[in-house]
Amino acid sequence: MKHREITKRYSDLVKRANQANGRKEIVGLLKKAAKLKSKIEINN
């Protein structure tokens, strides 16, 4: 995956987490976003 794709997916997950209703849904989305953020930091 390219850096731009990872960044786009990360921002999409954060937006979805902001609009989510349930706690489990929010936590799941934030965990996925955290994994992508670690990939971004490793590639830099």
C-alpha atoms as a PDB file:
ATOM      1  CA  MET A   1       0.000   0.000   0.000  1.00  0.00           C
ATOM      2  CA  LYS A   2       1.214   3.448  -0.807  1.00  0.00           C
ATOM      3  CA  HIS A   3       1.546   6.202   1.776  1.00  0.00           C
ATOM      4  CA  ARG A   4      -1.259   8.212   0.180  1.00  0.00           C
ATOM      5  CA  GLU A   5      -3.671   5.250   0.278  1.00  0.00           C
ATOM      6  CA  ILE A   6      -2.893   4.542   3.921  1.00  0.00           C
ATOM      7  CA  THR A   7      -3.408   8.197   4.834  1.00  0.00           C
ATOM      8  CA  LYS A   8      -6.738   8.295   3.005  1.00  0.00           C
ATOM      9  CA  ARG A   9      -7.990   5.129   4.725  1.00  0.00           C
ATOM     10  CA  TYR A  10      -6.842   6.477   8.105  1.00  0.00           C
ATOM     11  CA  SER A  11      -8.711   9.758   7.689  1.00  0.00           C
ATOM     12  CA  ASP A  12     -11.817   7.875   6.520  1.00  0.00           C
ATOM     13  CA  LEU A  13     -11.750   5.626   9.604  1.00  0.00           C
ATOM     14  CA  VAL A  14     -11.381   8.607  11.940  1.00  0.00           C
ATOM     15  CA  LYS A  15     -14.337  10.369  10.297  1.00  0.00           C
ATOM     16  CA  ARG A  16     -16.455   7.222  10.602  1.00  0.00           C
ATOM     17  CA  ALA A  17     -15.468   6.891  14.274  1.00  0.00           C
ATOM     18  CA  ASN A  18     -16.601  10.472  14.916  1.00  0.00           C
ATOM     19  CA  GLN A  19     -20.012   9.686  13.427  1.00  0.00           C
ATOM     20  CA  ALA A  20     -20.414   6.225  15.011  1.00  0.00           C
ATOM     21  CA  ASN A  21     -23.079   5.544  17.608  1.00  0.00           C
ATOM     22  CA  GLY A  22     -22.071   2.547  19.691  1.00  0.00           C
ATOM     23  CA  ARG A  23     -19.040   2.108  21.905  1.00  0.00           C
ATOM     24  CA  LYS A  24     -17.984  -1.177  20.270  1.00  0.00           C
ATOM     25  CA  GLU A  25     -18.219   0.361  16.821  1.00  0.00           C
ATOM     26  CA  ILE A  26     -16.102   3.346  17.846  1.00  0.00           C
ATOM     27  CA  VAL A  27     -13.459   1.200  19.531  1.00  0.00           C
ATOM     28  CA  GLY A  28     -13.213  -1.111  16.517  1.00  0.00           C
ATOM     29  CA  LEU A  29     -12.766   1.775  14.095  1.00  0.00           C
ATOM     30  CA  LEU A  30     -10.168   3.463  16.300  1.00  0.00           C
ATOM     31  CA  LYS A  31      -8.176   0.219  16.594  1.00  0.00           C
ATOM     32  CA  LYS A  32      -8.098  -0.102  12.808  1.00  0.00           C
ATOM     33  CA  ALA A  33      -7.039   3.536  12.519  1.00  0.00           C
ATOM     34  CA  ALA A  34      -4.252   3.000  15.072  1.00  0.00           C
ATOM     35  CA  LYS A  35      -2.860   0.097  13.037  1.00  0.00           C
ATOM     36  CA  LEU A  36      -2.798   2.257   9.912  1.00  0.00           C
ATOM     37  CA  LYS A  37      -1.172   5.136  11.804  1.00  0.00           C
ATOM     38  CA  SER A  38       1.629   2.827  12.918  1.00  0.00           C
ATOM     39  CA  LYS A  39       2.199   1.861   9.265  1.00  0.00           C
ATOM     40  CA  ILE A  40       2.378   5.546   8.356  1.00  0.00           C
ATOM     41  CA  GLU A  41       4.951   6.207  11.094  1.00  0.00           C
ATOM     42  CA  ILE A  42       7.064   3.182  10.119  1.00  0.00           C
ATOM     43  CA  ASN A  43       7.198   4.268   6.465  1.00  0.00           C
ATOM     44  CA  ASN A  44       8.388   7.784   7.329  1.00  0.00           C
END
